[in-house]
Amino acid sequence: MRLGITRSGSLQVPPNGFPAGWFTGAPTPGETGPAVIAGHVRWAGRPGVFARLASLKPGDKIMVARQDHSTATFRVSRVKEYPKASFPSAAIYGDIDHAGLRLITCGGLDAVSEKYEANLVVFADLID
């Protein structure tokens, strides 16, 4: 699904736990630049599309089905959690000289408030 920007200037999120969504203000996966895909880790008390995102490690592969029925394959370079108050927009959305991928979901679940205090971001680079 396609995602844009909300009135407050933040990235829209998918309306349900599935599917993940591609940010239309970024390149499509496989084009030069950082493609951005966002999805939920949990939704309505159940695992969401990115429920296992935190288990990815550098070197893991991610395959993205493209609208033209081709597949873009990426290799994870790093997985990092950022507090929502200091989200590094430039590192996520800023220009890069190759085809990259950023997968974003919630992280840092506070056990008391049951709110997510951070965002988990997976960084990956196109390999095929």
C-alpha atoms as a PDB file:
ATOM      1  CA  MET A   1       0.000   0.000   0.000  1.00  0.00           C
ATOM      2  CA  ARG A   2       1.051   3.607  -0.513  1.00  0.00           C
ATOM      3  CA  LEU A   3       1.871   5.878   2.425  1.00  0.00           C
ATOM      4  CA  GLY A   4       2.273   9.644   2.446  1.00  0.00           C
ATOM      5  CA  ILE A   5       2.763  12.335   5.067  1.00  0.00           C
ATOM      6  CA  THR A   6       0.183  13.275   7.711  1.00  0.00           C
ATOM      7  CA  ARG A   7      -0.945  16.861   8.329  1.00  0.00           C
ATOM      8  CA  SER A   8       1.452  17.007  11.278  1.00  0.00           C
ATOM      9  CA  GLY A   9       4.348  16.091   8.972  1.00  0.00           C
ATOM     10  CA  SER A  10       4.949  12.518  10.113  1.00  0.00           C
ATOM     11  CA  LEU A  11       4.924   9.381   7.998  1.00  0.00           C
ATOM     12  CA  GLN A  12       1.495   7.805   7.599  1.00  0.00           C
ATOM     13  CA  VAL A  13       1.172   4.283   8.954  1.00  0.00           C
ATOM     14  CA  PRO A  14      -0.893   1.445   7.522  1.00  0.00           C
ATOM     15  CA  PRO A  15      -4.468   1.337   8.886  1.00  0.00           C
ATOM     16  CA  ASN A  16      -4.144  -2.321   9.959  1.00  0.00           C
ATOM     17  CA  GLY A  17      -1.544  -4.874  11.007  1.00  0.00           C
ATOM     18  CA  PHE A  18      -1.119  -6.049   7.402  1.00  0.00           C
ATOM     19  CA  PRO A  19       0.219  -5.103   4.876  1.00  0.00           C
ATOM     20  CA  ALA A  20       3.285  -2.922   5.205  1.00  0.00           C
ATOM     21  CA  GLY A  21       3.283   0.301   3.194  1.00  0.00           C
ATOM     22  CA  TRP A  22       5.746   2.058   0.920  1.00  0.00           C
ATOM     23  CA  PHE A  23       6.383   5.780   1.485  1.00  0.00           C
ATOM     24  CA  THR A  24       5.609   7.387  -1.875  1.00  0.00           C
ATOM     25  CA  GLY A  25       7.948  10.315  -1.158  1.00  0.00           C
ATOM     26  CA  ALA A  26      10.901   7.939  -1.412  1.00  0.00           C
ATOM     27  CA  PRO A  27      12.242   5.845  -4.290  1.00  0.00           C
ATOM     28  CA  THR A  28      10.639   2.491  -5.032  1.00  0.00           C
ATOM     29  CA  PRO A  29      12.617  -0.481  -3.701  1.00  0.00           C
ATOM     30  CA  GLY A  30      15.530  -1.130  -6.055  1.00  0.00           C
ATOM     31  CA  GLU A  31      15.837   2.432  -7.379  1.00  0.00           C
ATOM     32  CA  THR A  32      18.728   4.661  -6.330  1.00  0.00           C
ATOM     33  CA  GLY A  33      18.034   6.188  -2.928  1.00  0.00           C
ATOM     34  CA  PRO A  34      16.469   5.020   0.323  1.00  0.00           C
ATOM     35  CA  ALA A  35      13.164   3.186  -0.233  1.00  0.00           C
ATOM     36  CA  VAL A  36      11.086   3.344   2.969  1.00  0.00           C
ATOM     37  CA  ILE A  37       8.579   0.693   4.034  1.00  0.00           C
ATOM     38  CA  ALA A  38       6.641   0.999   7.300  1.00  0.00           C
ATOM     39  CA  GLY A  39       4.505  -1.540   9.090  1.00  0.00           C
ATOM     40  CA  HIS A  40       3.163  -2.489  12.488  1.00  0.00           C
ATOM     41  CA  VAL A  41       4.923  -4.768  14.943  1.00  0.00           C
ATOM     42  CA  ARG A  42       1.554  -5.437  16.668  1.00  0.00           C
ATOM     43  CA  TRP A  43      -2.004  -4.508  15.847  1.00  0.00           C
ATOM     44  CA  ALA A  44      -5.113  -5.051  17.982  1.00  0.00           C
ATOM     45  CA  GLY A  45      -3.175  -7.349  20.318  1.00  0.00           C
ATOM     46  CA  ARG A  46      -1.882  -9.570  17.517  1.00  0.00           C
ATOM     47  CA  PRO A  47       1.447  -9.753  15.661  1.00  0.00           C
ATOM     48  CA  GLY A  48       1.686  -7.345  12.742  1.00  0.00           C
ATOM     49  CA  VAL A  49       3.537  -7.603   9.445  1.00  0.00           C
ATOM     50  CA  PHE A  50       6.817  -6.553  11.113  1.00  0.00           C
ATOM     51  CA  ALA A  51       6.418  -8.659  14.271  1.00  0.00           C
ATOM     52  CA  ARG A  52       9.786 -10.347  13.665  1.00  0.00           C
ATOM     53  CA  LEU A  53      11.669  -7.335  12.311  1.00  0.00           C
ATOM     54  CA  ALA A  54      13.808  -7.056  15.468  1.00  0.00           C
ATOM     55  CA  SER A  55      15.230 -10.525  14.799  1.00  0.00           C
ATOM     56  CA  LEU A  56      16.969  -9.402  11.585  1.00  0.00           C
ATOM     57  CA  LYS A  57      20.756  -9.154  11.736  1.00  0.00           C
ATOM     58  CA  PRO A  58      23.447  -7.717   9.461  1.00  0.00           C
ATOM     59  CA  GLY A  59      23.920 -10.036   6.514  1.00  0.00           C
ATOM     60  CA  ASP A  60      20.297 -11.244   6.418  1.00  0.00           C
ATOM     61  CA  LYS A  61      18.494 -10.921   3.101  1.00  0.00           C
ATOM     62  CA  ILE A  62      15.212  -9.117   2.490  1.00  0.00           C
ATOM     63  CA  MET A  63      13.244  -9.706  -0.683  1.00  0.00           C
ATOM     64  CA  VAL A  64      10.757  -7.062  -1.809  1.00  0.00           C
ATOM     65  CA  ALA A  65       8.146  -7.897  -4.454  1.00  0.00           C
ATOM     66  CA  ARG A  66       7.829  -4.944  -6.814  1.00  0.00           C
ATOM     67  CA  GLN A  67       4.729  -3.812  -8.662  1.00  0.00           C
ATOM     68  CA  ASP A  68       6.296  -4.878 -11.990  1.00  0.00           C
ATOM     69  CA  HIS A  69       6.473  -8.462 -10.586  1.00  0.00           C
ATOM     70  CA  SER A  70      10.260  -8.351 -10.223  1.00  0.00           C
ATOM     71  CA  THR A  71      11.968  -8.881  -6.873  1.00  0.00           C
ATOM     72  CA  ALA A  72      14.537  -6.569  -5.327  1.00  0.00           C
ATOM     73  CA  THR A  73      16.894  -8.348  -2.935  1.00  0.00           C
ATOM     74  CA  PHE A  74      18.598  -6.411  -0.148  1.00  0.00           C
ATOM     75  CA  ARG A  75      21.181  -7.309   2.496  1.00  0.00           C
ATOM     76  CA  VAL A  76      20.743  -5.947   6.028  1.00  0.00           C
ATOM     77  CA  SER A  77      23.603  -3.658   7.027  1.00  0.00           C
ATOM     78  CA  ARG A  78      22.337  -2.643  10.478  1.00  0.00           C
ATOM     79  CA  VAL A  79      19.345  -2.709  12.809  1.00  0.00           C
ATOM     80  CA  LYS A  80      18.912   0.222  15.181  1.00  0.00           C
ATOM     81  CA  GLU A  81      16.304   1.476  17.626  1.00  0.00           C
ATOM     82  CA  TYR A  82      15.804   5.226  17.989  1.00  0.00           C
ATOM     83  CA  PRO A  83      13.771   7.072  20.642  1.00  0.00           C
ATOM     84  CA  LYS A  84      10.751   8.680  18.971  1.00  0.00           C
ATOM     85  CA  ALA A  85      11.848  12.068  20.335  1.00  0.00           C
ATOM     86  CA  SER A  86      15.162  11.881  18.469  1.00  0.00           C
ATOM     87  CA  PHE A  87      14.241  10.038  15.267  1.00  0.00           C
ATOM     88  CA  PRO A  88      17.088  10.580  12.736  1.00  0.00           C
ATOM     89  CA  SER A  89      15.063  11.678   9.697  1.00  0.00           C
ATOM     90  CA  ALA A  90      18.155  12.594   7.659  1.00  0.00           C
ATOM     91  CA  ALA A  91      19.656   9.105   8.138  1.00  0.00           C
ATOM     92  CA  ILE A  92      16.384   7.480   7.107  1.00  0.00           C
ATOM     93  CA  TYR A  93      15.182   9.678   4.246  1.00  0.00           C
ATOM     94  CA  GLY A  94      18.391  11.448   3.149  1.00  0.00           C
ATOM     95  CA  ASP A  95      19.989  10.917  -0.241  1.00  0.00           C
ATOM     96  CA  ILE A  96      22.312   7.967  -0.768  1.00  0.00           C
ATOM     97  CA  ASP A  97      24.254   7.042  -3.906  1.00  0.00           C
ATOM     98  CA  HIS A  98      22.910   3.488  -4.182  1.00  0.00           C
ATOM     99  CA  ALA A  99      19.631   1.584  -3.833  1.00  0.00           C
ATOM    100  CA  GLY A 100      18.856   1.178  -0.158  1.00  0.00           C
ATOM    101  CA  LEU A 101      15.954   0.074   1.980  1.00  0.00           C
ATOM    102  CA  ARG A 102      14.658   1.292   5.334  1.00  0.00           C
ATOM    103  CA  LEU A 103      12.091  -0.847   7.171  1.00  0.00           C
ATOM    104  CA  ILE A 104      10.428   1.000  10.049  1.00  0.00           C
ATOM    105  CA  THR A 105       8.239  -0.227  12.890  1.00  0.00           C
ATOM    106  CA  CYS A 106       7.637   0.544  16.549  1.00  0.00           C
ATOM    107  CA  GLY A 107      10.067  -0.516  19.247  1.00  0.00           C
ATOM    108  CA  GLY A 108      10.884   0.195  22.859  1.00  0.00           C
ATOM    109  CA  LEU A 109       7.638  -1.047  24.390  1.00  0.00           C
ATOM    110  CA  ASP A 110       7.167   0.463  27.846  1.00  0.00           C
ATOM    111  CA  ALA A 111       5.820  -2.330  30.070  1.00  0.00           C
ATOM    112  CA  VAL A 112       3.920   0.075  32.325  1.00  0.00           C
ATOM    113  CA  SER A 113       2.285   2.395  29.797  1.00  0.00           C
ATOM    114  CA  GLU A 114       2.141  -0.284  27.065  1.00  0.00           C
ATOM    115  CA  LYS A 115       3.200   2.402  24.576  1.00  0.00           C
ATOM    116  CA  TYR A 116       6.025   2.218  22.095  1.00  0.00           C
ATOM    117  CA  GLU A 117       8.687   4.783  22.969  1.00  0.00           C
ATOM    118  CA  ALA A 118      10.973   4.159  19.982  1.00  0.00           C
ATOM    119  CA  ASN A 119      11.157   3.181  16.341  1.00  0.00           C
ATOM    120  CA  LEU A 120      13.067   0.165  15.097  1.00  0.00           C
ATOM    121  CA  VAL A 121      14.781   0.755  11.747  1.00  0.00           C
ATOM    122  CA  VAL A 122      16.383  -1.877   9.542  1.00  0.00           C
ATOM    123  CA  PHE A 123      18.905  -0.513   7.014  1.00  0.00           C
ATOM    124  CA  ALA A 124      19.655  -2.621   3.951  1.00  0.00           C
ATOM    125  CA  ASP A 125      21.407  -2.278   0.578  1.00  0.00           C
ATOM    126  CA  LEU A 126      20.418  -3.718  -2.793  1.00  0.00           C
ATOM    127  CA  ILE A 127      22.393  -6.804  -3.806  1.00  0.00           C
ATOM    128  CA  ASP A 128      20.283  -8.100  -6.710  1.00  0.00           C
END
